[in-house]
Amino acid sequence: MKYRVIIEQDEDGQFVAEVPALPGCISGGKTREEALANIREAIEVYLESLKIHNEPIPPSIDEEIIEVSGRKHAAQSLRARNRGCFIKDRL
């Protein structure tokens, strides 16, 4: 199963990982890699708890992350703005 994990660095430099589809499923670590390892374990424990309590398991996600360079995106935004539309208008 796949779940979206959001990782942010807090004010103390620690990495905090959260799973929006699993309320309260949060972990962290000193490094991004440690936070990912810890949240993977937290997800497994969370899902096991749901199974034990006969709670529904949230569906897995099926998505891709597409990385674009900021330079190209900026050029596209400028062209769109010149035509009188904005990228956010297309969403």
Protein backbone atom coordinates (compact mmCIF):
# COMPACT_ATOMS: atom_id res chain seq x y z
CA MET A 1 0.00 0.00 0.00
CA LYS A 2 1.08 3.57 -0.60
CA TYR A 3 0.27 6.61 1.51
CA ARG A 4 1.25 10.24 1.05
CA VAL A 5 3.83 11.33 3.63
CA ILE A 6 4.54 14.99 4.28
CA ILE A 7 7.97 15.75 5.73
CA GLU A 8 8.87 19.13 7.16
CA GLN A 9 11.87 20.33 9.09
CA ASP A 10 10.93 22.00 12.37
CA GLU A 11 12.56 25.00 14.03
CA ASP A 12 14.98 22.72 15.92
CA GLY A 13 16.19 21.04 12.72
CA GLN A 14 14.28 17.80 13.36
CA PHE A 15 12.34 16.21 10.51
CA VAL A 16 8.67 15.57 11.19
CA ALA A 17 6.73 13.11 9.00
CA GLU A 18 2.93 13.00 8.86
CA VAL A 19 0.44 10.82 6.98
CA PRO A 20 -2.71 12.87 6.18
CA ALA A 21 -4.80 9.77 5.38
CA LEU A 22 -4.04 8.30 8.83
CA PRO A 23 -5.05 10.88 11.47
CA GLY A 24 -2.49 11.11 14.25
CA CYS A 25 0.13 9.07 12.39
CA ILE A 26 3.16 11.27 12.96
CA SER A 27 6.82 10.45 13.52
CA GLY A 28 10.17 12.12 13.13
CA GLY A 29 13.91 11.86 13.15
CA LYS A 30 17.18 13.75 13.14
CA THR A 31 17.53 13.20 9.39
CA ARG A 32 15.05 12.91 6.53
CA GLU A 33 16.03 9.25 6.10
CA GLU A 34 15.46 8.52 9.80
CA ALA A 35 12.07 10.26 9.68
CA LEU A 36 11.09 8.14 6.65
CA ALA A 37 12.15 4.91 8.36
CA ASN A 38 10.25 5.88 11.51
CA ILE A 39 7.06 6.89 9.68
CA ARG A 40 7.15 3.62 7.70
CA GLU A 41 7.13 1.73 11.01
CA ALA A 42 4.39 4.04 12.38
CA ILE A 43 2.22 3.36 9.32
CA GLU A 44 2.64 -0.41 9.74
CA VAL A 45 1.66 -0.23 13.43
CA TYR A 46 -1.26 2.10 12.65
CA LEU A 47 -2.63 -0.24 9.97
CA GLU A 48 -2.20 -3.27 12.22
CA SER A 49 -4.19 -1.47 14.93
CA LEU A 50 -6.98 -0.74 12.46
CA LYS A 51 -7.10 -4.43 11.50
CA ILE A 52 -7.17 -5.58 15.14
CA HIS A 53 -10.09 -3.22 15.88
CA ASN A 54 -11.95 -4.10 12.66
CA GLU A 55 -11.69 -0.52 11.47
CA PRO A 56 -11.66 0.30 7.74
CA ILE A 57 -8.25 0.62 6.11
CA PRO A 58 -7.89 3.89 4.14
CA PRO A 59 -7.30 3.21 0.44
CA SER A 60 -3.83 3.30 -1.00
CA ILE A 61 -2.96 6.22 -3.26
CA ASP A 62 -2.06 5.98 -6.92
CA GLU A 63 -0.25 9.14 -7.90
CA GLU A 64 2.98 10.33 -9.40
CA ILE A 65 5.19 13.26 -8.45
CA ILE A 66 6.32 15.32 -11.43
CA GLU A 67 9.29 17.60 -10.90
CA VAL A 68 9.64 20.66 -13.08
CA SER A 69 12.41 23.19 -13.08
CA GLY A 70 11.53 26.55 -11.63
CA ARG A 71 12.99 28.27 -14.68
CA LYS A 72 10.63 26.57 -17.13
CA HIS A 73 7.65 27.10 -14.80
CA ALA A 74 8.52 30.79 -14.50
CA ALA A 75 8.66 31.12 -18.29
CA GLN A 76 5.28 29.37 -18.63
CA SER A 77 3.77 31.65 -15.99
CA LEU A 78 5.10 34.73 -17.78
CA ARG A 79 3.68 33.57 -21.14
CA ALA A 80 0.33 32.79 -19.54
CA ARG A 81 0.24 36.14 -17.77
CA ASN A 82 0.99 37.90 -21.05
CA ARG A 83 -2.05 36.14 -22.55
CA GLY A 84 -4.18 37.34 -19.62
CA CYS A 85 -4.51 34.07 -17.74
CA PHE A 86 -2.77 32.61 -14.74
CA ILE A 87 -1.69 29.05 -14.05
CA LYS A 88 -3.98 28.86 -11.01
CA ASP A 89 -6.95 29.70 -13.27
CA ARG A 90 -6.29 26.47 -15.15
CA LEU A 91 -6.46 24.24 -12.05
